[in-house]
Amino acid sequence: NSLKTKDTAVYFCYIDQRFGVPRS
């Protein structure tokens, strides 16, 4: 909400798993 011009970007979904799995 209340988006600003500085919010302009490519947004990437992220996952961090347990057991030493690399982040994606």
PDB file of all heavy atoms in Angstrom:
ATOM      1  N   ASN A   1       0.827  -1.186   0.000  1.00  0.00           N
ATOM      2  CA  ASN A   1       0.000   0.000   0.000  1.00  0.00           C
ATOM      3  C   ASN A   1       0.872   1.251   0.000  1.00  0.00           C
ATOM      4  O   ASN A   1       2.054   1.208   0.319  1.00  0.00           O
ATOM      5  CB  ASN A   1      -0.917   0.017   1.222  1.00  0.00           C
ATOM      6  CG  ASN A   1      -1.883  -1.146   1.252  1.00  0.00           C
ATOM      7  OD1 ASN A   1      -2.362  -1.601   0.219  1.00  0.00           O
ATOM      8  ND2 ASN A   1      -2.187  -1.628   2.461  1.00  0.00           N
ATOM      9  N   SER A   2       0.247   2.358  -0.333  1.00  0.00           N
ATOM     10  CA  SER A   2       0.942   3.650  -0.346  1.00  0.00           C
ATOM     11  C   SER A   2       2.254   3.571  -1.108  1.00  0.00           C
ATOM     12  O   SER A   2       3.303   4.032  -0.644  1.00  0.00           O
ATOM     13  CB  SER A   2       1.185   4.131   1.092  1.00  0.00           C
ATOM     14  OG  SER A   2      -0.025   4.254   1.805  1.00  0.00           O
ATOM     15  N   LEU A   3       2.194   3.001  -2.278  1.00  0.00           N
ATOM     16  CA  LEU A   3       3.402   2.774  -3.052  1.00  0.00           C
ATOM     17  C   LEU A   3       4.064   4.081  -3.460  1.00  0.00           C
ATOM     18  O   LEU A   3       3.393   5.073  -3.764  1.00  0.00           O
ATOM     19  CB  LEU A   3       3.087   1.932  -4.284  1.00  0.00           C
ATOM     20  CG  LEU A   3       2.902   0.438  -3.994  1.00  0.00           C
ATOM     21  CD1 LEU A   3       2.169  -0.254  -5.132  1.00  0.00           C
ATOM     22  CD2 LEU A   3       4.262  -0.221  -3.756  1.00  0.00           C
ATOM     23  N   LYS A   4       5.379   4.047  -3.470  1.00  0.00           N
ATOM     24  CA  LYS A   4       6.193   5.185  -3.840  1.00  0.00           C
ATOM     25  C   LYS A   4       7.025   4.839  -5.062  1.00  0.00           C
ATOM     26  O   LYS A   4       7.260   3.671  -5.357  1.00  0.00           O
ATOM     27  CB  LYS A   4       7.114   5.582  -2.678  1.00  0.00           C
ATOM     28  CG  LYS A   4       6.395   5.861  -1.373  1.00  0.00           C
ATOM     29  CD  LYS A   4       7.382   6.104  -0.242  1.00  0.00           C
ATOM     30  CE  LYS A   4       6.669   6.384   1.067  1.00  0.00           C
ATOM     31  NZ  LYS A   4       7.620   6.630   2.183  1.00  0.00           N
ATOM     32  N   THR A   5       7.479   5.867  -5.743  1.00  0.00           N
ATOM     33  CA  THR A   5       8.286   5.623  -6.936  1.00  0.00           C
ATOM     34  C   THR A   5       9.538   4.827  -6.602  1.00  0.00           C
ATOM     35  O   THR A   5      10.016   4.039  -7.422  1.00  0.00           O
ATOM     36  CB  THR A   5       8.677   6.937  -7.621  1.00  0.00           C
ATOM     37  OG1 THR A   5       9.358   7.788  -6.690  1.00  0.00           O
ATOM     38  CG2 THR A   5       7.440   7.658  -8.130  1.00  0.00           C
ATOM     39  N   LYS A   6      10.066   5.000  -5.410  1.00  0.00           N
ATOM     40  CA  LYS A   6      11.267   4.271  -5.020  1.00  0.00           C
ATOM     41  C   LYS A   6      11.018   2.789  -4.793  1.00  0.00           C
ATOM     42  O   LYS A   6      11.963   2.019  -4.628  1.00  0.00           O
ATOM     43  CB  LYS A   6      11.896   4.892  -3.762  1.00  0.00           C
ATOM     44  CG  LYS A   6      11.033   4.815  -2.517  1.00  0.00           C
ATOM     45  CD  LYS A   6      11.721   5.494  -1.348  1.00  0.00           C
ATOM     46  CE  LYS A   6      10.882   5.443  -0.086  1.00  0.00           C
ATOM     47  NZ  LYS A   6      11.562   6.136   1.046  1.00  0.00           N
ATOM     48  N   ASP A   7       9.753   2.391  -4.773  1.00  0.00           N
ATOM     49  CA  ASP A   7       9.429   0.977  -4.676  1.00  0.00           C
ATOM     50  C   ASP A   7       9.559   0.259  -6.014  1.00  0.00           C
ATOM     51  O   ASP A   7       9.427  -0.965  -6.070  1.00  0.00           O
ATOM     52  CB  ASP A   7       8.010   0.787  -4.142  1.00  0.00           C
ATOM     53  CG  ASP A   7       7.844   1.273  -2.718  1.00  0.00           C
ATOM     54  OD1 ASP A   7       8.743   1.011  -1.890  1.00  0.00           O
ATOM     55  OD2 ASP A   7       6.811   1.910  -2.427  1.00  0.00           O
ATOM     56  N   THR A   8       9.776   1.008  -7.067  1.00  0.00           N
ATOM     57  CA  THR A   8       9.925   0.417  -8.386  1.00  0.00           C
ATOM     58  C   THR A   8      11.114  -0.537  -8.406  1.00  0.00           C
ATOM     59  O   THR A   8      12.234  -0.159  -8.071  1.00  0.00           O
ATOM     60  CB  THR A   8      10.110   1.498  -9.451  1.00  0.00           C
ATOM     61  OG1 THR A   8       8.929   2.296  -9.526  1.00  0.00           O
ATOM     62  CG2 THR A   8      10.369   0.877 -10.817  1.00  0.00           C
ATOM     63  N   ALA A   9      10.857  -1.775  -8.784  1.00  0.00           N
ATOM     64  CA  ALA A   9      11.890  -2.800  -8.784  1.00  0.00           C
ATOM     65  C   ALA A   9      11.302  -4.091  -9.335  1.00  0.00           C
ATOM     66  O   ALA A   9      10.090  -4.215  -9.512  1.00  0.00           O
ATOM     67  CB  ALA A   9      12.429  -3.036  -7.371  1.00  0.00           C
ATOM     68  N   VAL A  10      12.180  -5.033  -9.577  1.00  0.00           N
ATOM     69  CA  VAL A  10      11.750  -6.398  -9.819  1.00  0.00           C
ATOM     70  C   VAL A  10      11.684  -7.096  -8.474  1.00  0.00           C
ATOM     71  O   VAL A  10      12.651  -7.083  -7.710  1.00  0.00           O
ATOM     72  CB  VAL A  10      12.701  -7.144 -10.768  1.00  0.00           C
ATOM     73  CG1 VAL A  10      12.247  -8.592 -10.951  1.00  0.00           C
ATOM     74  CG2 VAL A  10      12.774  -6.447 -12.116  1.00  0.00           C
ATOM     75  N   TYR A  11      10.555  -7.680  -8.187  1.00  0.00           N
ATOM     76  CA  TYR A  11      10.341  -8.347  -6.913  1.00  0.00           C
ATOM     77  C   TYR A  11      10.463  -9.851  -7.097  1.00  0.00           C
ATOM     78  O   TYR A  11       9.838 -10.438  -7.983  1.00  0.00           O
ATOM     79  CB  TYR A  11       8.966  -7.988  -6.348  1.00  0.00           C
ATOM     80  CG  TYR A  11       8.901  -6.598  -5.775  1.00  0.00           C
ATOM     81  CD1 TYR A  11       8.984  -5.484  -6.608  1.00  0.00           C
ATOM     82  CD2 TYR A  11       8.779  -6.386  -4.406  1.00  0.00           C
ATOM     83  CE1 TYR A  11       8.953  -4.199  -6.088  1.00  0.00           C
ATOM     84  CE2 TYR A  11       8.737  -5.110  -3.879  1.00  0.00           C
ATOM     85  CZ  TYR A  11       8.826  -4.021  -4.716  1.00  0.00           C
ATOM     86  OH  TYR A  11       8.786  -2.753  -4.194  1.00  0.00           O
ATOM     87  N   PHE A  12      11.263 -10.469  -6.246  1.00  0.00           N
ATOM     88  CA  PHE A  12      11.567 -11.885  -6.346  1.00  0.00           C
ATOM     89  C   PHE A  12      11.023 -12.645  -5.141  1.00  0.00           C
ATOM     90  O   PHE A  12      11.334 -12.303  -4.003  1.00  0.00           O
ATOM     91  CB  PHE A  12      13.078 -12.117  -6.414  1.00  0.00           C
ATOM     92  CG  PHE A  12      13.755 -11.475  -7.586  1.00  0.00           C
ATOM     93  CD1 PHE A  12      14.256 -10.187  -7.497  1.00  0.00           C
ATOM     94  CD2 PHE A  12      13.906 -12.162  -8.771  1.00  0.00           C
ATOM     95  CE1 PHE A  12      14.889  -9.592  -8.564  1.00  0.00           C
ATOM     96  CE2 PHE A  12      14.543 -11.582  -9.857  1.00  0.00           C
ATOM     97  CZ  PHE A  12      15.028 -10.291  -9.747  1.00  0.00           C
ATOM     98  N   CYS A  13      10.249 -13.651  -5.400  1.00  0.00           N
ATOM     99  CA  CYS A  13       9.823 -14.544  -4.339  1.00  0.00           C
ATOM    100  C   CYS A  13      11.024 -15.322  -3.821  1.00  0.00           C
ATOM    101  O   CYS A  13      11.946 -15.656  -4.574  1.00  0.00           O
ATOM    102  CB  CYS A  13       8.756 -15.496  -4.860  1.00  0.00           C
ATOM    103  SG  CYS A  13       7.967 -16.508  -3.581  1.00  0.00           S
ATOM    104  N   TYR A  14      10.996 -15.614  -2.545  1.00  0.00           N
ATOM    105  CA  TYR A  14      12.157 -16.175  -1.865  1.00  0.00           C
ATOM    106  C   TYR A  14      11.725 -17.290  -0.938  1.00  0.00           C
ATOM    107  O   TYR A  14      10.681 -17.212  -0.292  1.00  0.00           O
ATOM    108  CB  TYR A  14      12.847 -15.048  -1.087  1.00  0.00           C
ATOM    109  CG  TYR A  14      13.742 -15.472   0.043  1.00  0.00           C
ATOM    110  CD1 TYR A  14      15.061 -15.848  -0.190  1.00  0.00           C
ATOM    111  CD2 TYR A  14      13.282 -15.452   1.351  1.00  0.00           C
ATOM    112  CE1 TYR A  14      15.894 -16.205   0.854  1.00  0.00           C
ATOM    113  CE2 TYR A  14      14.108 -15.811   2.399  1.00  0.00           C
ATOM    114  CZ  TYR A  14      15.410 -16.186   2.148  1.00  0.00           C
ATOM    115  OH  TYR A  14      16.231 -16.529   3.184  1.00  0.00           O
ATOM    116  N   ILE A  15      12.557 -18.313  -0.863  1.00  0.00           N
ATOM    117  CA  ILE A  15      12.308 -19.400   0.069  1.00  0.00           C
ATOM    118  C   ILE A  15      13.609 -19.792   0.746  1.00  0.00           C
ATOM    119  O   ILE A  15      14.659 -19.903   0.105  1.00  0.00           O
ATOM    120  CB  ILE A  15      11.665 -20.618  -0.634  1.00  0.00           C
ATOM    121  CG1 ILE A  15      11.300 -21.696   0.387  1.00  0.00           C
ATOM    122  CG2 ILE A  15      12.566 -21.187  -1.720  1.00  0.00           C
ATOM    123  CD1 ILE A  15      10.442 -22.811  -0.190  1.00  0.00           C
ATOM    124  N   ASP A  16      13.521 -19.975   2.031  1.00  0.00           N
ATOM    125  CA  ASP A  16      14.645 -20.418   2.847  1.00  0.00           C
ATOM    126  C   ASP A  16      14.201 -21.709   3.536  1.00  0.00           C
ATOM    127  O   ASP A  16      13.254 -21.687   4.329  1.00  0.00           O
ATOM    128  CB  ASP A  16      15.016 -19.344   3.859  1.00  0.00           C
ATOM    129  CG  ASP A  16      16.251 -19.688   4.672  1.00  0.00           C
ATOM    130  OD1 ASP A  16      16.959 -20.645   4.319  1.00  0.00           O
ATOM    131  OD2 ASP A  16      16.513 -18.984   5.670  1.00  0.00           O
ATOM    132  N   GLN A  17      14.868 -22.788   3.231  1.00  0.00           N
ATOM    133  CA  GLN A  17      14.487 -24.080   3.771  1.00  0.00           C
ATOM    134  C   GLN A  17      15.401 -24.523   4.905  1.00  0.00           C
ATOM    135  O   GLN A  17      16.500 -23.998   5.082  1.00  0.00           O
ATOM    136  CB  GLN A  17      14.493 -25.149   2.673  1.00  0.00           C
ATOM    137  CG  GLN A  17      13.522 -24.888   1.535  1.00  0.00           C
ATOM    138  CD  GLN A  17      13.250 -26.122   0.722  1.00  0.00           C
ATOM    139  OE1 GLN A  17      12.736 -27.111   1.273  1.00  0.00           O
ATOM    140  NE2 GLN A  17      13.590 -26.080  -0.549  1.00  0.00           N
ATOM    141  N   ARG A  18      14.933 -25.465   5.642  1.00  0.00           N
ATOM    142  CA  ARG A  18      15.723 -26.072   6.690  1.00  0.00           C
ATOM    143  C   ARG A  18      16.643 -27.140   6.114  1.00  0.00           C
ATOM    144  O   ARG A  18      16.635 -27.417   4.909  1.00  0.00           O
ATOM    145  CB  ARG A  18      14.807 -26.688   7.747  1.00  0.00           C
ATOM    146  CG  ARG A  18      13.949 -25.686   8.498  1.00  0.00           C
ATOM    147  CD  ARG A  18      13.169 -26.375   9.604  1.00  0.00           C
ATOM    148  NE  ARG A  18      12.443 -25.432  10.435  1.00  0.00           N
ATOM    149  CZ  ARG A  18      11.201 -25.058  10.217  1.00  0.00           C
ATOM    150  NH1 ARG A  18      10.512 -25.558   9.208  1.00  0.00           N
ATOM    151  NH2 ARG A  18      10.618 -24.188  11.032  1.00  0.00           N
ATOM    152  N   PHE A  19      17.459 -27.705   6.984  1.00  0.00           N
ATOM    153  CA  PHE A  19      18.324 -28.835   6.657  1.00  0.00           C
ATOM    154  C   PHE A  19      19.391 -28.502   5.629  1.00  0.00           C
ATOM    155  O   PHE A  19      19.818 -29.365   4.855  1.00  0.00           O
ATOM    156  CB  PHE A  19      17.490 -30.038   6.192  1.00  0.00           C
ATOM    157  CG  PHE A  19      16.331 -30.350   7.084  1.00  0.00           C
ATOM    158  CD1 PHE A  19      15.033 -30.311   6.611  1.00  0.00           C
ATOM    159  CD2 PHE A  19      16.536 -30.676   8.417  1.00  0.00           C
ATOM    160  CE1 PHE A  19      13.971 -30.598   7.445  1.00  0.00           C
ATOM    161  CE2 PHE A  19      15.473 -30.962   9.258  1.00  0.00           C
ATOM    162  CZ  PHE A  19      14.194 -30.924   8.767  1.00  0.00           C
ATOM    163  N   GLY A  20      19.841 -27.266   5.615  1.00  0.00           N
ATOM    164  CA  GLY A  20      20.956 -26.880   4.771  1.00  0.00           C
ATOM    165  C   GLY A  20      20.638 -26.721   3.300  1.00  0.00           C
ATOM    166  O   GLY A  20      21.563 -26.626   2.491  1.00  0.00           O
ATOM    167  N   VAL A  21      19.379 -26.688   2.948  1.00  0.00           N
ATOM    168  CA  VAL A  21      19.014 -26.502   1.548  1.00  0.00           C
ATOM    169  C   VAL A  21      19.313 -25.068   1.126  1.00  0.00           C
ATOM    170  O   VAL A  21      18.955 -24.125   1.829  1.00  0.00           O
ATOM    171  CB  VAL A  21      17.527 -26.817   1.321  1.00  0.00           C
ATOM    172  CG1 VAL A  21      17.145 -26.594  -0.135  1.00  0.00           C
ATOM    173  CG2 VAL A  21      17.233 -28.249   1.737  1.00  0.00           C
ATOM    174  N   PRO A  22      19.964 -24.877  -0.026  1.00  0.00           N
ATOM    175  CA  PRO A  22      20.266 -23.510  -0.467  1.00  0.00           C
ATOM    176  C   PRO A  22      19.007 -22.670  -0.658  1.00  0.00           C
ATOM    177  O   PRO A  22      17.956 -23.178  -1.041  1.00  0.00           O
ATOM    178  CB  PRO A  22      20.996 -23.718  -1.795  1.00  0.00           C
ATOM    179  CG  PRO A  22      21.560 -25.095  -1.715  1.00  0.00           C
ATOM    180  CD  PRO A  22      20.548 -25.884  -0.928  1.00  0.00           C
ATOM    181  N   ARG A  23      19.152 -21.380  -0.400  1.00  0.00           N
ATOM    182  CA  ARG A  23      18.053 -20.457  -0.641  1.00  0.00           C
ATOM    183  C   ARG A  23      17.753 -20.342  -2.125  1.00  0.00           C
ATOM    184  O   ARG A  23      18.636 -20.530  -2.969  1.00  0.00           O
ATOM    185  CB  ARG A  23      18.390 -19.082  -0.074  1.00  0.00           C
ATOM    186  CG  ARG A  23      18.626 -19.081   1.428  1.00  0.00           C
ATOM    187  CD  ARG A  23      19.195 -17.761   1.887  1.00  0.00           C
ATOM    188  NE  ARG A  23      19.446 -17.735   3.324  1.00  0.00           N
ATOM    189  CZ  ARG A  23      20.025 -16.742   3.969  1.00  0.00           C
ATOM    190  NH1 ARG A  23      20.422 -15.661   3.303  1.00  0.00           N
ATOM    191  NH2 ARG A  23      20.215 -16.809   5.274  1.00  0.00           N
ATOM    192  N   SER A  24      16.503 -20.037  -2.444  1.00  0.00           N
ATOM    193  CA  SER A  24      16.082 -19.930  -3.833  1.00  0.00           C
ATOM    194  C   SER A  24      15.257 -18.675  -4.040  1.00  0.00           C
ATOM    195  O   SER A  24      14.549 -18.224  -3.135  1.00  0.00           O
ATOM    196  CB  SER A  24      15.254 -21.156  -4.251  1.00  0.00           C
ATOM    197  OG  SER A  24      16.003 -22.352  -4.147  1.00  0.00           O
TER     198      SER A  24
END
